[in-house]
C-alpha atoms as a PDB file:
ATOM      1  CA  MET A   1     191.250 103.502  34.721  1.00  0.00           C
ATOM      2  CA  LEU A   2     192.720 102.657  31.553  1.00  0.00           C
ATOM      3  CA  ARG A   3     195.569 104.994  31.991  1.00  0.00           C
ATOM      4  CA  GLU A   4     196.678 104.126  35.950  1.00  0.00           C
ATOM      5  CA  SER A   5     196.265 100.134  34.844  1.00  0.00           C
ATOM      6  CA  GLY A   6     199.396  99.696  33.038  1.00  0.00           C
ATOM      7  CA  GLY A   7     198.044  96.992  31.380  1.00  0.00           C
ATOM      8  CA  TYR A   8     194.516  95.406  30.381  1.00  0.00           C
ATOM      9  CA  ILE A   9     191.539  96.022  32.519  1.00  0.00           C
ATOM     10  CA  SER A  10     188.430  93.635  31.989  1.00  0.00           C
ATOM     11  CA  GLY A  11     185.168  94.886  31.059  1.00  0.00           C
ATOM     12  CA  GLN A  12     183.625  93.686  33.842  1.00  0.00           C
ATOM     13  CA  GLN A  13     185.855  95.406  36.355  1.00  0.00           C
ATOM     14  CA  ILE A  14     184.746  98.627  34.236  1.00  0.00           C
ATOM     15  CA  CYS A  15     181.062  97.982  34.436  1.00  0.00           C
ATOM     16  CA  GLU A  16     181.313  97.123  38.063  1.00  0.00           C
ATOM     17  CA  LYS A  17     183.407 100.570  38.701  1.00  0.00           C
ATOM     18  CA  PHE A  18     180.547 102.588  37.014  1.00  0.00           C
ATOM     19  CA  GLY A  19     177.481 100.274  37.431  1.00  0.00           C
ATOM     20  CA  VAL A  20     177.012 100.380  33.952  1.00  0.00           C
ATOM     21  CA  SER A  21     176.414  97.388  31.076  1.00  0.00           C
ATOM     22  CA  ARG A  22     178.958  96.139  28.660  1.00  0.00           C
ATOM     23  CA  THR A  23     177.115  97.834  26.054  1.00  0.00           C
ATOM     24  CA  ALA A  24     177.694 100.832  27.961  1.00  0.00           C
ATOM     25  CA  VAL A  25     181.103 100.436  28.310  1.00  0.00           C
ATOM     26  CA  TRP A  26     182.022  99.200  24.624  1.00  0.00           C
ATOM     27  CA  LYS A  27     180.089 102.634  23.315  1.00  0.00           C
ATOM     28  CA  VAL A  28     182.465 104.637  25.232  1.00  0.00           C
ATOM     29  CA  ILE A  29     185.952 102.607  24.043  1.00  0.00           C
ATOM     30  CA  ARG A  30     184.257 103.172  20.585  1.00  0.00           C
ATOM     31  CA  ARG A  31     184.340 106.762  21.398  1.00  0.00           C
ATOM     32  CA  LEU A  32     187.873 107.071  23.185  1.00  0.00           C
ATOM     33  CA  GLN A  33     189.144 105.121  19.647  1.00  0.00           C
ATOM     34  CA  GLU A  34     187.120 107.860  17.450  1.00  0.00           C
ATOM     35  CA  GLU A  35     188.732 110.901  19.300  1.00  0.00           C
ATOM     36  CA  GLY A  36     191.816 109.253  18.364  1.00  0.00           C
ATOM     37  CA  TYR A  37     193.253 106.894  21.551  1.00  0.00           C
ATOM     38  CA  GLN A  38     194.548 103.800  20.588  1.00  0.00           C
ATOM     39  CA  VAL A  39     192.526 101.313  22.622  1.00  0.00           C
ATOM     40  CA  GLU A  40     193.191  97.471  22.238  1.00  0.00           C
ATOM     41  CA  ALA A  41     190.396  94.926  22.610  1.00  0.00           C
ATOM     42  CA  VAL A  42     191.587  91.564  23.659  1.00  0.00           C
ATOM     43  CA  ARG A  43     188.895  88.365  24.473  1.00  0.00           C
ATOM     44  CA  ASN A  44     189.190  87.278  28.099  1.00  0.00           C
ATOM     45  CA  LYS A  45     192.083  89.843  28.785  1.00  0.00           C
ATOM     46  CA  GLY A  46     190.032  93.435  28.434  1.00  0.00           C
ATOM     47  CA  TYR A  47     190.778  96.367  27.312  1.00  0.00           C
ATOM     48  CA  ARG A  48     193.981  98.576  27.665  1.00  0.00           C
ATOM     49  CA  ILE A  49     195.563 101.711  25.895  1.00  0.00           C
ATOM     50  CA  VAL A  50     198.359 101.457  23.602  1.00  0.00           C
ATOM     51  CA  ASP A  51     198.658 105.223  22.750  1.00  0.00           C
ATOM     52  CA  SER A  52     196.975 108.395  23.241  1.00  0.00           C
ATOM     53  CA  PRO A  53     197.565 111.130  20.442  1.00  0.00           C
ATOM     54  CA  ASP A  54     197.694 114.686  21.159  1.00  0.00           C
ATOM     55  CA  VAL A  55     194.236 114.907  22.251  1.00  0.00           C
ATOM     56  CA  MET A  56     193.096 118.053  24.415  1.00  0.00           C
ATOM     57  CA  THR A  57     189.522 117.653  26.339  1.00  0.00           C
ATOM     58  CA  GLU A  58     188.850 118.424  29.893  1.00  0.00           C
ATOM     59  CA  GLU A  59     188.777 114.599  30.738  1.00  0.00           C
ATOM     60  CA  GLU A  60     192.528 114.123  29.256  1.00  0.00           C
ATOM     61  CA  LEU A  61     193.859 116.967  31.159  1.00  0.00           C
ATOM     62  CA  LYS A  62     192.178 115.965  34.259  1.00  0.00           C
ATOM     63  CA  SER A  63     193.299 112.353  34.090  1.00  0.00           C
ATOM     64  CA  LEU A  64     196.864 113.609  34.175  1.00  0.00           C
ATOM     65  CA  MET A  65     196.954 116.135  37.005  1.00  0.00           C
ATOM     66  CA  ARG A  66     199.138 115.010  39.475  1.00  0.00           C
ATOM     67  CA  THR A  67     198.838 118.446  41.702  1.00  0.00           C
ATOM     68  CA  ARG A  68     196.982 119.293  44.836  1.00  0.00           C
ATOM     69  CA  TRP A  69     195.409 122.222  43.522  1.00  0.00           C
ATOM     70  CA  ALA A  70     196.982 123.951  40.470  1.00  0.00           C
ATOM     71  CA  GLY A  71     195.235 123.073  37.291  1.00  0.00           C
ATOM     72  CA  ARG A  72     192.605 120.871  39.545  1.00  0.00           C
ATOM     73  CA  ASN A  73     189.640 122.942  38.496  1.00  0.00           C
ATOM     74  CA  ILE A  74     190.022 122.598  34.720  1.00  0.00           C
ATOM     75  CA  VAL A  75     187.606 125.226  32.566  1.00  0.00           C
ATOM     76  CA  TYR A  76     188.004 123.950  29.074  1.00  0.00           C
ATOM     77  CA  TYR A  77     186.872 125.977  25.703  1.00  0.00           C
ATOM     78  CA  LYS A  78     186.737 124.856  22.304  1.00  0.00           C
ATOM     79  CA  GLU A  79     186.959 128.188  21.317  1.00  0.00           C
ATOM     80  CA  THR A  80     187.200 131.414  23.254  1.00  0.00           C
ATOM     81  CA  ASP A  81     187.819 134.959  23.089  1.00  0.00           C
ATOM     82  CA  SER A  82     190.996 135.177  25.604  1.00  0.00           C
ATOM     83  CA  THR A  83     191.682 132.410  28.678  1.00  0.00           C
ATOM     84  CA  ASN A  84     193.173 135.737  30.391  1.00  0.00           C
ATOM     85  CA  LEU A  85     189.437 137.131  29.976  1.00  0.00           C
ATOM     86  CA  ARG A  86     187.648 134.105  30.894  1.00  0.00           C
ATOM     87  CA  ILE A  87     190.021 133.568  34.198  1.00  0.00           C
ATOM     88  CA  LYS A  88     189.306 137.137  35.072  1.00  0.00           C
ATOM     89  CA  GLN A  89     185.500 136.859  35.075  1.00  0.00           C
ATOM     90  CA  LEU A  90     186.024 133.161  36.701  1.00  0.00           C
ATOM     91  CA  GLY A  91     188.038 135.337  39.609  1.00  0.00           C
ATOM     92  CA  ASP A  92     185.573 137.638  39.996  1.00  0.00           C
ATOM     93  CA  GLU A  93     183.085 135.208  40.432  1.00  0.00           C
ATOM     94  CA  GLY A  94     185.185 133.686  43.396  1.00  0.00           C
ATOM     95  CA  ALA A  95     186.490 130.480  41.305  1.00  0.00           C
ATOM     96  CA  PRO A  96     189.408 128.836  43.375  1.00  0.00           C
ATOM     97  CA  GLU A  97     192.921 129.578  43.272  1.00  0.00           C
ATOM     98  CA  GLY A  98     194.548 127.446  41.165  1.00  0.00           C
ATOM     99  CA  THR A  99     191.534 127.430  38.437  1.00  0.00           C
ATOM    100  CA  LEU A 100     192.853 126.846  34.881  1.00  0.00           C
ATOM    101  CA  ALA A 101     191.133 127.834  31.535  1.00  0.00           C
ATOM    102  CA  VAL A 102     192.279 126.139  28.174  1.00  0.00           C
ATOM    103  CA  ALA A 103     191.374 126.564  25.064  1.00  0.00           C
ATOM    104  CA  ASP A 104     192.025 124.811  21.579  1.00  0.00           C
ATOM    105  CA  SER A 105     191.764 128.279  20.028  1.00  0.00           C
ATOM    106  CA  GLN A 106     191.716 131.953  20.771  1.00  0.00           C
ATOM    107  CA  SER A 107     189.719 134.702  18.800  1.00  0.00           C
ATOM    108  CA  ALA A 108     191.095 137.156  20.687  1.00  0.00           C
ATOM    109  CA  GLY A 109     194.484 136.235  22.193  1.00  0.00           C
ATOM    110  CA  ARG A 110     197.019 138.945  23.660  1.00  0.00           C
ATOM    111  CA  GLY A 111     200.608 139.366  24.326  1.00  0.00           C
ATOM    112  CA  ARG A 112     202.507 142.129  26.345  1.00  0.00           C
ATOM    113  CA  ARG A 113     201.730 145.517  25.025  1.00  0.00           C
ATOM    114  CA  GLY A 114     198.542 145.066  23.820  1.00  0.00           C
ATOM    115  CA  ARG A 115     200.301 142.947  21.281  1.00  0.00           C
ATOM    116  CA  THR A 116     198.146 140.179  19.263  1.00  0.00           C
ATOM    117  CA  TRP A 117     199.129 136.533  19.916  1.00  0.00           C
ATOM    118  CA  ASP A 118     198.219 134.103  16.838  1.00  0.00           C
ATOM    119  CA  SER A 119     196.216 131.603  18.076  1.00  0.00           C
ATOM    120  CA  PRO A 120     195.045 128.849  15.380  1.00  0.00           C
ATOM    121  CA  ALA A 121     193.351 125.957  16.572  1.00  0.00           C
ATOM    122  CA  GLY A 122     194.593 122.334  17.140  1.00  0.00           C
ATOM    123  CA  SER A 123     198.438 123.038  17.336  1.00  0.00           C
ATOM    124  CA  SER A 124     199.405 125.042  20.593  1.00  0.00           C
ATOM    125  CA  ILE A 125     198.758 125.549  24.102  1.00  0.00           C
ATOM    126  CA  TYR A 126     196.611 128.755  25.467  1.00  0.00           C
ATOM    127  CA  MET A 127     196.017 128.603  28.979  1.00  0.00           C
ATOM    128  CA  SER A 128     195.431 131.215  31.929  1.00  0.00           C
ATOM    129  CA  VAL A 129     195.940 130.245  35.925  1.00  0.00           C
ATOM    130  CA  LEU A 130     193.795 132.019  38.526  1.00  0.00           C
ATOM    131  CA  LEU A 131     196.415 133.139  41.508  1.00  0.00           C
ATOM    132  CA  ARG A 132     194.990 134.489  45.069  1.00  0.00           C
ATOM    133  CA  PRO A 133     198.274 135.388  46.655  1.00  0.00           C
ATOM    134  CA  ARG A 134     198.348 137.184  49.770  1.00  0.00           C
ATOM    135  CA  ILE A 135     201.088 139.857  49.022  1.00  0.00           C
ATOM    136  CA  LEU A 136     201.091 142.954  48.149  1.00  0.00           C
ATOM    137  CA  PRO A 137     200.643 144.252  44.815  1.00  0.00           C
ATOM    138  CA  ASP A 138     203.791 145.677  43.722  1.00  0.00           C
ATOM    139  CA  ARG A 139     205.006 142.182  44.537  1.00  0.00           C
ATOM    140  CA  ALA A 140     202.476 140.838  41.915  1.00  0.00           C
ATOM    141  CA  PRO A 141     205.066 141.398  38.705  1.00  0.00           C
ATOM    142  CA  MET A 142     207.245 138.743  39.974  1.00  0.00           C
ATOM    143  CA  LEU A 143     204.736 136.055  39.371  1.00  0.00           C
ATOM    144  CA  THR A 144     205.669 136.706  35.477  1.00  0.00           C
ATOM    145  CA  LEU A 145     208.940 135.186  36.560  1.00  0.00           C
ATOM    146  CA  VAL A 146     207.962 132.183  38.554  1.00  0.00           C
ATOM    147  CA  MET A 147     205.564 131.137  35.783  1.00  0.00           C
ATOM    148  CA  ALA A 148     208.492 132.044  33.067  1.00  0.00           C
ATOM    149  CA  CYS A 149     210.710 129.217  35.439  1.00  0.00           C
ATOM    150  CA  SER A 150     207.928 126.763  35.584  1.00  0.00           C
ATOM    151  CA  VAL A 151     207.226 126.888  31.864  1.00  0.00           C
ATOM    152  CA  ALA A 152     210.740 126.251  31.033  1.00  0.00           C
ATOM    153  CA  GLU A 153     211.081 123.534  33.437  1.00  0.00           C
ATOM    154  CA  GLY A 154     207.924 121.925  32.605  1.00  0.00           C
ATOM    155  CA  ILE A 155     208.899 121.926  28.794  1.00  0.00           C
ATOM    156  CA  MET A 156     212.551 120.107  29.750  1.00  0.00           C
ATOM    157  CA  ASP A 157     210.774 117.810  32.098  1.00  0.00           C
ATOM    158  CA  CYS A 158     208.697 116.657  29.018  1.00  0.00           C
ATOM    159  CA  GLU A 159     211.007 117.403  25.902  1.00  0.00           C
ATOM    160  CA  ASP A 160     214.857 116.927  25.419  1.00  0.00           C
ATOM    161  CA  VAL A 161     215.465 120.250  24.475  1.00  0.00           C
ATOM    162  CA  LYS A 162     217.368 123.060  26.023  1.00  0.00           C
ATOM    163  CA  VAL A 163     215.259 126.305  26.597  1.00  0.00           C
ATOM    164  CA  GLN A 164     216.152 129.643  28.236  1.00  0.00           C
ATOM    165  CA  ILE A 165     214.551 132.932  29.310  1.00  0.00           C
ATOM    166  CA  LYS A 166     214.621 136.157  28.063  1.00  0.00           C
ATOM    167  CA  TRP A 167     213.952 138.365  30.803  1.00  0.00           C
ATOM    168  CA  PRO A 168     210.990 138.538  32.252  1.00  0.00           C
ATOM    169  CA  ASN A 169     209.202 136.256  30.806  1.00  0.00           C
ATOM    170  CA  ASP A 170     209.699 135.037  27.187  1.00  0.00           C
ATOM    171  CA  ILE A 171     210.755 131.344  26.624  1.00  0.00           C
ATOM    172  CA  ILE A 172     213.049 130.694  23.592  1.00  0.00           C
ATOM    173  CA  ILE A 173     214.928 127.560  21.832  1.00  0.00           C
ATOM    174  CA  ASN A 174     218.144 128.695  19.890  1.00  0.00           C
ATOM    175  CA  GLY A 175     217.478 132.299  19.703  1.00  0.00           C
ATOM    176  CA  ARG A 176     213.915 132.320  18.862  1.00  0.00           C
ATOM    177  CA  LYS A 177     210.462 132.676  20.656  1.00  0.00           C
ATOM    178  CA  LEU A 178     208.708 129.831  21.945  1.00  0.00           C
ATOM    179  CA  VAL A 179     206.403 131.332  24.484  1.00  0.00           C
ATOM    180  CA  GLY A 180     204.797 134.166  25.836  1.00  0.00           C
ATOM    181  CA  ILE A 181     203.461 135.351  29.274  1.00  0.00           C
ATOM    182  CA  LEU A 182     200.811 137.534  30.143  1.00  0.00           C
ATOM    183  CA  THR A 183     200.357 139.084  33.903  1.00  0.00           C
ATOM    184  CA  GLU A 184     197.239 140.717  34.755  1.00  0.00           C
ATOM    185  CA  MET A 185     196.023 141.546  38.425  1.00  0.00           C
ATOM    186  CA  SER A 186     192.862 142.833  39.846  1.00  0.00           C
ATOM    187  CA  THR A 187     193.502 144.704  43.169  1.00  0.00           C
ATOM    188  CA  GLN A 188     192.834 147.353  45.871  1.00  0.00           C
ATOM    189  CA  ILE A 189     195.063 150.152  46.747  1.00  0.00           C
ATOM    190  CA  ASP A 190     197.108 147.379  49.264  1.00  0.00           C
ATOM    191  CA  TYR A 191     195.272 144.135  48.303  1.00  0.00           C
ATOM    192  CA  ILE A 192     195.065 141.674  45.391  1.00  0.00           C
ATOM    193  CA  ASN A 193     191.892 140.583  44.736  1.00  0.00           C
ATOM    194  CA  HIS A 194     193.109 138.180  42.163  1.00  0.00           C
ATOM    195  CA  VAL A 195     196.069 137.509  39.405  1.00  0.00           C
ATOM    196  CA  THR A 196     195.963 135.946  36.190  1.00  0.00           C
ATOM    197  CA  VAL A 197     198.878 134.560  34.434  1.00  0.00           C
ATOM    198  CA  GLY A 198     198.051 133.560  30.592  1.00  0.00           C
ATOM    199  CA  VAL A 199     200.666 131.397  28.815  1.00  0.00           C
ATOM    200  CA  GLY A 200     200.987 131.273  25.008  1.00  0.00           C
ATOM    201  CA  ILE A 201     203.149 128.162  23.958  1.00  0.00           C
ATOM    202  CA  ASN A 202     203.892 127.249  20.004  1.00  0.00           C
ATOM    203  CA  VAL A 203     203.772 123.486  20.111  1.00  0.00           C
ATOM    204  CA  ASN A 204     202.900 121.452  17.045  1.00  0.00           C
ATOM    205  CA  MET A 205     202.741 124.992  14.793  1.00  0.00           C
ATOM    206  CA  THR A 206     204.774 124.140  11.221  1.00  0.00           C
ATOM    207  CA  GLU A 207     204.210 127.645  10.198  1.00  0.00           C
ATOM    208  CA  PHE A 208     203.725 131.133  11.206  1.00  0.00           C
ATOM    209  CA  PRO A 209     202.287 134.407  10.031  1.00  0.00           C
ATOM    210  CA  GLU A 210     204.855 136.098   8.211  1.00  0.00           C
ATOM    211  CA  GLU A 211     205.573 138.938  10.474  1.00  0.00           C
ATOM    212  CA  ILE A 212     207.000 136.536  13.115  1.00  0.00           C
ATOM    213  CA  ARG A 213     208.322 133.575  10.727  1.00  0.00           C
ATOM    214  CA  GLY A 214     212.079 134.769  11.256  1.00  0.00           C
ATOM    215  CA  THR A 215     211.558 135.485  15.534  1.00  0.00           C
ATOM    216  CA  ALA A 216     209.142 132.191  16.214  1.00  0.00           C
ATOM    217  CA  THR A 217     209.325 128.729  16.591  1.00  0.00           C
ATOM    218  CA  SER A 218     207.545 125.718  17.812  1.00  0.00           C
ATOM    219  CA  LEU A 219     208.059 122.297  19.950  1.00  0.00           C
ATOM    220  CA  ARG A 220     207.390 120.670  17.004  1.00  0.00           C
ATOM    221  CA  LEU A 221     210.033 122.376  14.505  1.00  0.00           C
ATOM    222  CA  GLU A 222     212.721 121.806  17.492  1.00  0.00           C
ATOM    223  CA  THR A 223     212.362 118.232  18.380  1.00  0.00           C
ATOM    224  CA  GLY A 224     211.026 117.013  14.774  1.00  0.00           C
ATOM    225  CA  HIS A 225     207.796 115.380  16.612  1.00  0.00           C
ATOM    226  CA  VAL A 226     204.360 116.087  17.688  1.00  0.00           C
ATOM    227  CA  VAL A 227     204.016 117.006  21.348  1.00  0.00           C
ATOM    228  CA  LYS A 228     201.363 116.072  23.536  1.00  0.00           C
ATOM    229  CA  ARG A 229     199.670 119.091  24.886  1.00  0.00           C
ATOM    230  CA  ALA A 230     197.797 118.098  27.699  1.00  0.00           C
ATOM    231  CA  ARG A 231     201.214 116.424  29.044  1.00  0.00           C
ATOM    232  CA  LEU A 232     203.026 119.559  28.939  1.00  0.00           C
ATOM    233  CA  ILE A 233     200.222 121.338  30.660  1.00  0.00           C
ATOM    234  CA  ALA A 234     200.079 118.501  33.413  1.00  0.00           C
ATOM    235  CA  ALA A 235     204.083 119.108  33.656  1.00  0.00           C
ATOM    236  CA  ILE A 236     203.799 122.991  34.126  1.00  0.00           C
ATOM    237  CA  MET A 237     201.416 122.910  36.216  1.00  0.00           C
ATOM    238  CA  GLU A 238     203.463 120.512  38.421  1.00  0.00           C
ATOM    239  CA  ARG A 239     206.155 122.995  38.297  1.00  0.00           C
ATOM    240  CA  LEU A 240     203.919 126.110  39.171  1.00  0.00           C
ATOM    241  CA  GLU A 241     202.589 124.397  42.530  1.00  0.00           C
ATOM    242  CA  GLN A 242     206.228 124.232  43.506  1.00  0.00           C
ATOM    243  CA  ASN A 243     207.665 127.403  42.445  1.00  0.00           C
ATOM    244  CA  TYR A 244     204.783 129.346  43.680  1.00  0.00           C
ATOM    245  CA  GLY A 245     205.071 127.837  47.007  1.00  0.00           C
ATOM    246  CA  ILE A 246     208.707 128.902  47.050  1.00  0.00           C
ATOM    247  CA  PHE A 247     208.093 132.298  46.062  1.00  0.00           C
ATOM    248  CA  LEU A 248     205.149 133.058  48.812  1.00  0.00           C
ATOM    249  CA  GLN A 249     207.375 131.502  51.595  1.00  0.00           C
ATOM    250  CA  THR A 250     209.863 134.574  50.730  1.00  0.00           C
ATOM    251  CA  GLU A 251     207.395 136.957  48.783  1.00  0.00           C
ATOM    252  CA  ASP A 252     210.437 137.534  46.524  1.00  0.00           C
ATOM    253  CA  MET A 253     212.756 135.900  44.023  1.00  0.00           C
ATOM    254  CA  SER A 254     215.449 134.716  46.267  1.00  0.00           C
ATOM    255  CA  GLY A 255     214.511 131.151  46.458  1.00  0.00           C
ATOM    256  CA  LEU A 256     214.042 131.099  42.728  1.00  0.00           C
ATOM    257  CA  MET A 257     217.007 133.054  42.005  1.00  0.00           C
ATOM    258  CA  GLU A 258     219.480 130.272  41.300  1.00  0.00           C
ATOM    259  CA  LYS A 259     216.840 128.428  39.243  1.00  0.00           C
ATOM    260  CA  TYR A 260     216.052 131.544  37.192  1.00  0.00           C
ATOM    261  CA  SER A 261     219.613 132.610  36.712  1.00  0.00           C
ATOM    262  CA  SER A 262     220.683 129.543  35.162  1.00  0.00           C
ATOM    263  CA  LEU A 263     217.844 129.499  32.464  1.00  0.00           C
ATOM    264  CA  LEU A 264     218.376 133.474  31.641  1.00  0.00           C
ATOM    265  CA  VAL A 265     220.000 133.906  28.293  1.00  0.00           C
ATOM    266  CA  ASN A 266     220.401 137.370  29.059  1.00  0.00           C
ATOM    267  CA  GLN A 267     223.024 136.670  31.799  1.00  0.00           C
ATOM    268  CA  GLY A 268     226.445 137.872  31.374  1.00  0.00           C
ATOM    269  CA  LYS A 269     225.582 139.435  27.902  1.00  0.00           C
ATOM    270  CA  GLU A 270     225.454 142.475  26.195  1.00  0.00           C
ATOM    271  CA  VAL A 271     222.035 144.081  25.688  1.00  0.00           C
ATOM    272  CA  MET A 272     220.212 146.759  24.298  1.00  0.00           C
ATOM    273  CA  VAL A 273     217.720 148.218  26.914  1.00  0.00           C
ATOM    274  CA  LEU A 274     214.518 150.030  25.104  1.00  0.00           C
ATOM    275  CA  GLY A 275     213.552 152.676  28.162  1.00  0.00           C
ATOM    276  CA  ALA A 276     210.872 154.698  28.037  1.00  0.00           C
ATOM    277  CA  LYS A 277     213.019 157.796  27.486  1.00  0.00           C
ATOM    278  CA  GLU A 278     216.391 156.395  26.385  1.00  0.00           C
ATOM    279  CA  GLU A 279     218.090 153.540  24.355  1.00  0.00           C
ATOM    280  CA  TYR A 280     221.274 152.174  25.786  1.00  0.00           C
ATOM    281  CA  LYS A 281     223.898 149.238  25.796  1.00  0.00           C
ATOM    282  CA  ALA A 282     224.523 147.757  28.565  1.00  0.00           C
ATOM    283  CA  TYR A 283     225.887 144.326  30.280  1.00  0.00           C
ATOM    284  CA  ALA A 284     223.258 142.291  31.991  1.00  0.00           C
ATOM    285  CA  VAL A 285     224.432 141.062  35.533  1.00  0.00           C
ATOM    286  CA  GLY A 286     221.676 138.962  36.283  1.00  0.00           C
ATOM    287  CA  ILE A 287     218.281 139.592  38.486  1.00  0.00           C
ATOM    288  CA  ASN A 288     217.720 140.761  41.799  1.00  0.00           C
ATOM    289  CA  ASN A 289     215.397 139.775  44.699  1.00  0.00           C
ATOM    290  CA  THR A 290     212.497 141.608  43.025  1.00  0.00           C
ATOM    291  CA  GLY A 291     213.048 140.174  39.819  1.00  0.00           C
ATOM    292  CA  GLU A 292     214.620 143.336  38.101  1.00  0.00           C
ATOM    293  CA  LEU A 293     217.114 142.822  35.776  1.00  0.00           C
ATOM    294  CA  ILE A 294     220.572 144.465  36.794  1.00  0.00           C
ATOM    295  CA  VAL A 295     222.411 146.051  33.976  1.00  0.00           C
ATOM    296  CA  ARG A 296     226.084 147.845  34.141  1.00  0.00           C
ATOM    297  CA  ARG A 297     226.671 150.774  31.969  1.00  0.00           C
ATOM    298  CA  GLU A 298     229.911 151.386  29.957  1.00  0.00           C
ATOM    299  CA  ASP A 299     230.914 154.183  32.679  1.00  0.00           C
ATOM    300  CA  GLY A 300     230.318 150.995  35.467  1.00  0.00           C
ATOM    301  CA  THR A 301     227.359 152.025  36.916  1.00  0.00           C
ATOM    302  CA  GLU A 302     224.691 149.707  37.790  1.00  0.00           C
ATOM    303  CA  GLU A 303     220.999 149.706  37.971  1.00  0.00           C
ATOM    304  CA  ALA A 304     217.998 147.771  37.950  1.00  0.00           C
ATOM    305  CA  VAL A 305     215.613 147.588  34.795  1.00  0.00           C
ATOM    306  CA  TYR A 306     212.180 146.891  35.969  1.00  0.00           C
ATOM    307  CA  ALA A 307     210.142 147.643  32.540  1.00  0.00           C
ATOM    308  CA  GLY A 308     210.809 148.135  29.320  1.00  0.00           C
ATOM    309  CA  GLU A 309     212.272 145.998  26.146  1.00  0.00           C
ATOM    310  CA  VAL A 310     215.731 144.169  26.773  1.00  0.00           C
ATOM    311  CA  SER A 311     216.892 143.087  23.551  1.00  0.00           C
ATOM    312  CA  VAL A 312     219.522 140.389  23.534  1.00  0.00           C
ATOM    313  CA  ARG A 313     222.095 139.677  20.657  1.00  0.00           C
ATOM    314  CA  GLY A 314     221.137 136.864  18.563  1.00  0.00           C
ATOM    315  CA  VAL A 315     217.868 136.752  19.999  1.00  0.00           C
ATOM    316  CA  TYR A 316     214.772 137.556  17.258  1.00  0.00           C
ATOM    317  CA  GLY A 317     217.652 138.462  14.911  1.00  0.00           C
ATOM    318  CA  TYR A 318     219.207 141.344  17.324  1.00  0.00           C
ATOM    319  CA  VAL A 319     222.814 141.006  16.011  1.00  0.00           C
END
């Protein structure tokens, strides 16, 4: 109510809306102030929110969500093992599509290829969303690219920064990693039960563990100010709802190709492809309709890279 009023809202209006006493309203206002919200109380005018800090609670997230289904069912954890594990469990239990798990910290955060994802409290975003696409299982890996696109756009909707995507799913700023995405699915031979897309974003971290200090960055380091995490999550969910809808119409990346390619740091660059059998240098042309990276070898032949590491000069210290 306070946020949507845009100005002062009287204590009487709040009392009538919720059927409570003036004393009860005052107690809740005090609690909001203790959580860090700057709520002004003026006699004969009422209450108004002057500023909300980087608060991350279920109530804060719900009050900012403007979507139809993405992020509408929110499960918030002060601490959990991994939001991906929580969403997988909720998916098995029948939770609706768009269910979003958000944690302030994780004890067992994971990245791609079994790597750990450092997940300290109070500074970053750890979230996973449940999707139930009616597509064949071999199409599901493209959802990683759909989310990468959505995260990049959501960040730029909120902050004056230029982010890029390192194929297939890292979001980078100035050659350093800002976001990691991990997609996992529960599937039958020709049917997807559900897909879990996990996102880790370095938001307000100012220091990193020694092993990633030279390759990681955060929005706070890049913008010079504290970034409100809940607002960022809401913006990403809005973009996901749009982009996922486009993806489902074609069941491939054709509708998002232009958008994704414009953000792709690999595009038009010399890359090092670290495949399972060999390493080789090539020129990255862009992605195809199924989200694979098209590279041109030194002999002029083109091929699609669908898995493995692809390093780009100037990114993560590769020179």
